[in-house]
Amino acid sequence: MRTGSHRGSPLRRVGVAGSTIALALVTGCTLFPSAGPERDADGAVTAEAETDAFSIEVGDCIDDPGTESVSDITVLPCDELHHFEAFASIEMPDGDYPGVPAANTAASDFCGEEFASYIGVEYDASVLEMLYFYPVEESWKTAGDREILCFVAEQGETPVTGTLEGAGR
């Protein structure tokens, strides 16, 4: 799994671009998904936990995953200070790996479309930021990874408490 972002700080964009080769050589995700964080009956995370991208679900909140690896991510209850909130996911179609540019485009397009229904305003009109995870070739082939996972963050990736759902900005 690989990360992509929009409207991130220049350092984040350089970090994402600079990590392309490294992330293409390794999955960025463990090939064997972890057990995941503890959840209540409604599926909400109940305690901070270290996990991987395969264990994150829509509605989960995470600390900044950085741009080097998505295998050690801190998931925490959304009522605690966090950087990103997962707001949508979709499985890419089976078949041959489409390549990084196509996977990135699919993630950007999907997350951009879903952004408005979750936030309440089109992405291009929003001050909020978006990050997404998408499969890399190795995880596609060895782990059956097809998931695109979308995240929203406050402007400047400023930590927040609570959800950004319906923020309308």
C-alpha atoms as a PDB file:
ATOM      1  CA  MET A   1       0.000   0.000   0.000  1.00  0.00           C
ATOM      2  CA  ARG A   2       1.226   3.466  -0.851  1.00  0.00           C
ATOM      3  CA  THR A   3       0.194   6.962   0.215  1.00  0.00           C
ATOM      4  CA  GLY A   4      -0.773   9.933  -1.867  1.00  0.00           C
ATOM      5  CA  SER A   5      -1.878  13.370  -0.774  1.00  0.00           C
ATOM      6  CA  HIS A   6      -3.404  16.580  -1.979  1.00  0.00           C
ATOM      7  CA  ARG A   7      -2.892  20.058  -0.686  1.00  0.00           C
ATOM      8  CA  GLY A   8      -0.270  18.855   1.794  1.00  0.00           C
ATOM      9  CA  SER A   9       2.636  20.992   2.870  1.00  0.00           C
ATOM     10  CA  PRO A  10       5.493  21.236   0.347  1.00  0.00           C
ATOM     11  CA  LEU A  11       7.575  18.995   2.629  1.00  0.00           C
ATOM     12  CA  ARG A  12       4.889  16.295   2.551  1.00  0.00           C
ATOM     13  CA  ARG A  13       4.672  16.428  -1.234  1.00  0.00           C
ATOM     14  CA  VAL A  14       8.430  16.102  -1.546  1.00  0.00           C
ATOM     15  CA  GLY A  15       8.348  13.247   0.968  1.00  0.00           C
ATOM     16  CA  VAL A  16       5.720  11.401  -1.043  1.00  0.00           C
ATOM     17  CA  ALA A  17       7.568  11.941  -4.311  1.00  0.00           C
ATOM     18  CA  GLY A  18      10.910  11.082  -2.717  1.00  0.00           C
ATOM     19  CA  SER A  19       9.620   7.816  -1.331  1.00  0.00           C
ATOM     20  CA  THR A  20       8.298   6.507  -4.652  1.00  0.00           C
ATOM     21  CA  ILE A  21      11.260   4.233  -5.359  1.00  0.00           C
ATOM     22  CA  ALA A  22      11.430   2.832  -1.829  1.00  0.00           C
ATOM     23  CA  LEU A  23       7.714   2.188  -1.701  1.00  0.00           C
ATOM     24  CA  ALA A  24       7.751   0.530  -5.096  1.00  0.00           C
ATOM     25  CA  LEU A  25      10.380  -1.911  -3.817  1.00  0.00           C
ATOM     26  CA  VAL A  26       8.576  -2.803  -0.601  1.00  0.00           C
ATOM     27  CA  THR A  27       4.902  -3.081   0.112  1.00  0.00           C
ATOM     28  CA  GLY A  28       4.736  -0.395   2.765  1.00  0.00           C
ATOM     29  CA  CYS A  29       2.240  -2.716   4.409  1.00  0.00           C
ATOM     30  CA  THR A  30       2.871  -5.964   6.130  1.00  0.00           C
ATOM     31  CA  LEU A  31       1.916  -8.848   3.901  1.00  0.00           C
ATOM     32  CA  PHE A  32       0.026 -10.444   6.746  1.00  0.00           C
ATOM     33  CA  PRO A  33      -2.555  -8.071   8.196  1.00  0.00           C
ATOM     34  CA  SER A  34      -2.430  -7.492  11.942  1.00  0.00           C
ATOM     35  CA  ALA A  35      -5.291  -8.344  14.265  1.00  0.00           C
ATOM     36  CA  GLY A  36      -6.179  -4.652  14.325  1.00  0.00           C
ATOM     37  CA  PRO A  37      -7.138  -2.307  17.134  1.00  0.00           C
ATOM     38  CA  GLU A  38      -9.706  -3.042  19.838  1.00  0.00           C
ATOM     39  CA  ARG A  39     -13.223  -1.980  18.813  1.00  0.00           C
ATOM     40  CA  ASP A  40     -16.579  -1.576  20.533  1.00  0.00           C
ATOM     41  CA  ALA A  41     -19.826  -3.199  19.358  1.00  0.00           C
ATOM     42  CA  ASP A  42     -20.323  -0.389  16.822  1.00  0.00           C
ATOM     43  CA  GLY A  43     -16.832  -0.921  15.377  1.00  0.00           C
ATOM     44  CA  ALA A  44     -15.291   2.262  16.826  1.00  0.00           C
ATOM     45  CA  VAL A  45     -11.684   2.077  18.027  1.00  0.00           C
ATOM     46  CA  THR A  46     -11.630   2.042  21.839  1.00  0.00           C
ATOM     47  CA  ALA A  47      -7.912   2.407  22.597  1.00  0.00           C
ATOM     48  CA  GLU A  48      -4.753   3.604  20.903  1.00  0.00           C
ATOM     49  CA  ALA A  49      -3.014   0.815  18.999  1.00  0.00           C
ATOM     50  CA  GLU A  50      -0.197   0.295  16.530  1.00  0.00           C
ATOM     51  CA  THR A  51      -1.466  -1.408  13.395  1.00  0.00           C
ATOM     52  CA  ASP A  52      -1.047  -1.520   9.627  1.00  0.00           C
ATOM     53  CA  ALA A  53      -3.039  -0.032   6.763  1.00  0.00           C
ATOM     54  CA  PHE A  54      -4.945  -3.303   6.228  1.00  0.00           C
ATOM     55  CA  SER A  55      -6.591  -2.936   9.653  1.00  0.00           C
ATOM     56  CA  ILE A  56      -7.868   0.616   9.221  1.00  0.00           C
ATOM     57  CA  GLU A  57     -11.593   0.989   8.594  1.00  0.00           C
ATOM     58  CA  VAL A  58     -13.762   3.896   7.471  1.00  0.00           C
ATOM     59  CA  GLY A  59     -14.419   6.039  10.543  1.00  0.00           C
ATOM     60  CA  ASP A  60     -11.036   5.290  12.138  1.00  0.00           C
ATOM     61  CA  CYS A  61      -8.738   8.115  13.192  1.00  0.00           C
ATOM     62  CA  ILE A  62      -4.972   7.898  12.922  1.00  0.00           C
ATOM     63  CA  ASP A  63      -1.858   9.835  13.747  1.00  0.00           C
ATOM     64  CA  ASP A  64       0.139  11.139  10.805  1.00  0.00           C
ATOM     65  CA  PRO A  65       1.320   8.019   8.949  1.00  0.00           C
ATOM     66  CA  GLY A  66       4.268   9.846   7.396  1.00  0.00           C
ATOM     67  CA  THR A  67       5.334   9.000   3.879  1.00  0.00           C
ATOM     68  CA  GLU A  68       7.862   6.225   4.374  1.00  0.00           C
ATOM     69  CA  SER A  69       5.748   3.342   5.627  1.00  0.00           C
ATOM     70  CA  VAL A  70       2.135   2.512   6.269  1.00  0.00           C
ATOM     71  CA  SER A  71       2.942  -0.615   8.233  1.00  0.00           C
ATOM     72  CA  ASP A  72       3.257   1.069  11.644  1.00  0.00           C
ATOM     73  CA  ILE A  73       0.283   3.385  12.026  1.00  0.00           C
ATOM     74  CA  THR A  74      -1.194   4.609  15.281  1.00  0.00           C
ATOM     75  CA  VAL A  75      -4.975   4.217  15.302  1.00  0.00           C
ATOM     76  CA  LEU A  76      -6.854   5.900  18.130  1.00  0.00           C
ATOM     77  CA  PRO A  77     -10.356   6.832  19.235  1.00  0.00           C
ATOM     78  CA  CYS A  78     -11.566   9.858  17.272  1.00  0.00           C
ATOM     79  CA  ASP A  79     -12.380  11.714  20.498  1.00  0.00           C
ATOM     80  CA  GLU A  80      -8.599  11.855  21.099  1.00  0.00           C
ATOM     81  CA  LEU A  81      -6.210  14.211  19.270  1.00  0.00           C
ATOM     82  CA  HIS A  82      -5.465  12.798  15.796  1.00  0.00           C
ATOM     83  CA  HIS A  83      -4.278  13.936  12.351  1.00  0.00           C
ATOM     84  CA  PHE A  84      -6.401  11.980   9.849  1.00  0.00           C
ATOM     85  CA  GLU A  85      -9.846  10.409   9.679  1.00  0.00           C
ATOM     86  CA  ALA A  86     -10.708   7.611   7.224  1.00  0.00           C
ATOM     87  CA  PHE A  87     -13.849   8.619   5.323  1.00  0.00           C
ATOM     88  CA  ALA A  88     -14.227   6.236   2.367  1.00  0.00           C
ATOM     89  CA  SER A  89     -12.843   3.069   0.818  1.00  0.00           C
ATOM     90  CA  ILE A  90     -13.301   1.010  -2.312  1.00  0.00           C
ATOM     91  CA  GLU A  91     -11.738  -2.110  -3.803  1.00  0.00           C
ATOM     92  CA  MET A  92     -10.024  -1.718  -7.163  1.00  0.00           C
ATOM     93  CA  PRO A  93     -11.088  -4.288  -9.780  1.00  0.00           C
ATOM     94  CA  ASP A  94      -9.219  -7.595  -9.985  1.00  0.00           C
ATOM     95  CA  GLY A  95      -6.810  -8.198 -12.814  1.00  0.00           C
ATOM     96  CA  ASP A  96      -3.245  -7.159 -13.504  1.00  0.00           C
ATOM     97  CA  TYR A  97      -1.763  -4.402 -11.376  1.00  0.00           C
ATOM     98  CA  PRO A  98      -2.577  -1.151 -13.216  1.00  0.00           C
ATOM     99  CA  GLY A  99       0.697   0.590 -12.280  1.00  0.00           C
ATOM    100  CA  VAL A 100       1.404   3.361  -9.799  1.00  0.00           C
ATOM    101  CA  PRO A 101       0.143   6.253 -11.963  1.00  0.00           C
ATOM    102  CA  ALA A 102      -3.190   4.524 -12.620  1.00  0.00           C
ATOM    103  CA  ALA A 103      -3.588   3.449  -8.968  1.00  0.00           C
ATOM    104  CA  ASN A 104      -2.797   6.989  -7.824  1.00  0.00           C
ATOM    105  CA  THR A 105      -5.290   8.464 -10.290  1.00  0.00           C
ATOM    106  CA  ALA A 106      -7.984   5.979  -9.254  1.00  0.00           C
ATOM    107  CA  ALA A 107      -7.420   6.887  -5.590  1.00  0.00           C
ATOM    108  CA  SER A 108      -7.383  10.628  -6.246  1.00  0.00           C
ATOM    109  CA  ASP A 109     -10.546  10.470  -8.354  1.00  0.00           C
ATOM    110  CA  PHE A 110     -12.467   8.218  -5.953  1.00  0.00           C
ATOM    111  CA  CYS A 111     -11.489  10.122  -2.806  1.00  0.00           C
ATOM    112  CA  GLY A 112     -12.209  13.462  -4.455  1.00  0.00           C
ATOM    113  CA  GLU A 113     -15.696  12.277  -5.404  1.00  0.00           C
ATOM    114  CA  GLU A 114     -16.441  10.895  -1.925  1.00  0.00           C
ATOM    115  CA  PHE A 115     -15.082  13.983  -0.168  1.00  0.00           C
ATOM    116  CA  ALA A 116     -18.148  16.154  -0.867  1.00  0.00           C
ATOM    117  CA  SER A 117     -20.643  13.673   0.542  1.00  0.00           C
ATOM    118  CA  TYR A 118     -18.615  13.248   3.745  1.00  0.00           C
ATOM    119  CA  ILE A 119     -17.497  16.847   4.330  1.00  0.00           C
ATOM    120  CA  GLY A 120     -20.434  18.689   2.767  1.00  0.00           C
ATOM    121  CA  VAL A 121     -18.454  20.745   0.252  1.00  0.00           C
ATOM    122  CA  GLU A 122     -16.533  19.874  -2.922  1.00  0.00           C
ATOM    123  CA  TYR A 123     -12.853  19.147  -2.354  1.00  0.00           C
ATOM    124  CA  ASP A 124     -11.698  22.001  -4.614  1.00  0.00           C
ATOM    125  CA  ALA A 125     -13.700  24.474  -2.487  1.00  0.00           C
ATOM    126  CA  SER A 126     -12.533  23.039   0.848  1.00  0.00           C
ATOM    127  CA  VAL A 127      -9.719  24.168   3.119  1.00  0.00           C
ATOM    128  CA  LEU A 128      -9.352  20.606   4.410  1.00  0.00           C
ATOM    129  CA  GLU A 129      -6.690  18.212   3.153  1.00  0.00           C
ATOM    130  CA  MET A 130      -6.940  14.720   1.740  1.00  0.00           C
ATOM    131  CA  LEU A 131      -4.604  11.738   1.905  1.00  0.00           C
ATOM    132  CA  TYR A 132      -5.170   8.282   0.471  1.00  0.00           C
ATOM    133  CA  PHE A 133      -3.621   4.841   0.514  1.00  0.00           C
ATOM    134  CA  TYR A 134      -3.604   2.662  -2.573  1.00  0.00           C
ATOM    135  CA  PRO A 135      -2.026  -0.696  -3.453  1.00  0.00           C
ATOM    136  CA  VAL A 136       1.498  -1.156  -4.752  1.00  0.00           C
ATOM    137  CA  GLU A 137       2.349  -4.008  -7.074  1.00  0.00           C
ATOM    138  CA  GLU A 138       3.849  -6.288  -4.426  1.00  0.00           C
ATOM    139  CA  SER A 139       0.860  -6.062  -2.066  1.00  0.00           C
ATOM    140  CA  TRP A 140      -1.480  -6.436  -5.060  1.00  0.00           C
ATOM    141  CA  LYS A 141       0.208  -9.691  -6.070  1.00  0.00           C
ATOM    142  CA  THR A 142       1.101 -11.236  -2.705  1.00  0.00           C
ATOM    143  CA  ALA A 143      -1.689 -10.064  -0.407  1.00  0.00           C
ATOM    144  CA  GLY A 144      -4.579  -9.490  -2.800  1.00  0.00           C
ATOM    145  CA  ASP A 145      -4.547  -5.814  -1.794  1.00  0.00           C
ATOM    146  CA  ARG A 146      -7.056  -3.835  -3.881  1.00  0.00           C
ATOM    147  CA  GLU A 147      -8.167  -1.234  -1.321  1.00  0.00           C
ATOM    148  CA  ILE A 148      -8.151   2.507  -1.806  1.00  0.00           C
ATOM    149  CA  LEU A 149      -8.613   4.189   1.584  1.00  0.00           C
ATOM    150  CA  CYS A 150      -9.363   7.926   1.832  1.00  0.00           C
ATOM    151  CA  PHE A 151      -8.508  10.251   4.728  1.00  0.00           C
ATOM    152  CA  VAL A 152      -9.339  13.857   5.562  1.00  0.00           C
ATOM    153  CA  ALA A 153      -7.272  16.212   7.702  1.00  0.00           C
ATOM    154  CA  GLU A 154      -7.597  19.709   9.069  1.00  0.00           C
ATOM    155  CA  GLN A 155      -5.852  22.469   7.133  1.00  0.00           C
ATOM    156  CA  GLY A 156      -2.088  22.141   7.605  1.00  0.00           C
ATOM    157  CA  GLU A 157      -2.692  18.674   9.055  1.00  0.00           C
ATOM    158  CA  THR A 158      -3.303  20.321  12.403  1.00  0.00           C
ATOM    159  CA  PRO A 159      -4.346  17.684  14.967  1.00  0.00           C
ATOM    160  CA  VAL A 160      -8.067  17.661  15.800  1.00  0.00           C
ATOM    161  CA  THR A 161     -10.412  16.027  18.269  1.00  0.00           C
ATOM    162  CA  GLY A 162     -13.666  14.581  16.984  1.00  0.00           C
ATOM    163  CA  THR A 163     -14.864  14.014  13.439  1.00  0.00           C
ATOM    164  CA  LEU A 164     -14.638  16.245  10.385  1.00  0.00           C
ATOM    165  CA  GLU A 165     -17.772  14.648   8.929  1.00  0.00           C
ATOM    166  CA  GLY A 166     -20.153  17.380   7.824  1.00  0.00           C
ATOM    167  CA  ALA A 167     -17.585  20.135   8.500  1.00  0.00           C
ATOM    168  CA  GLY A 168     -18.781  21.997   5.395  1.00  0.00           C
ATOM    169  CA  ARG A 169     -15.539  23.834   4.823  1.00  0.00           C
END
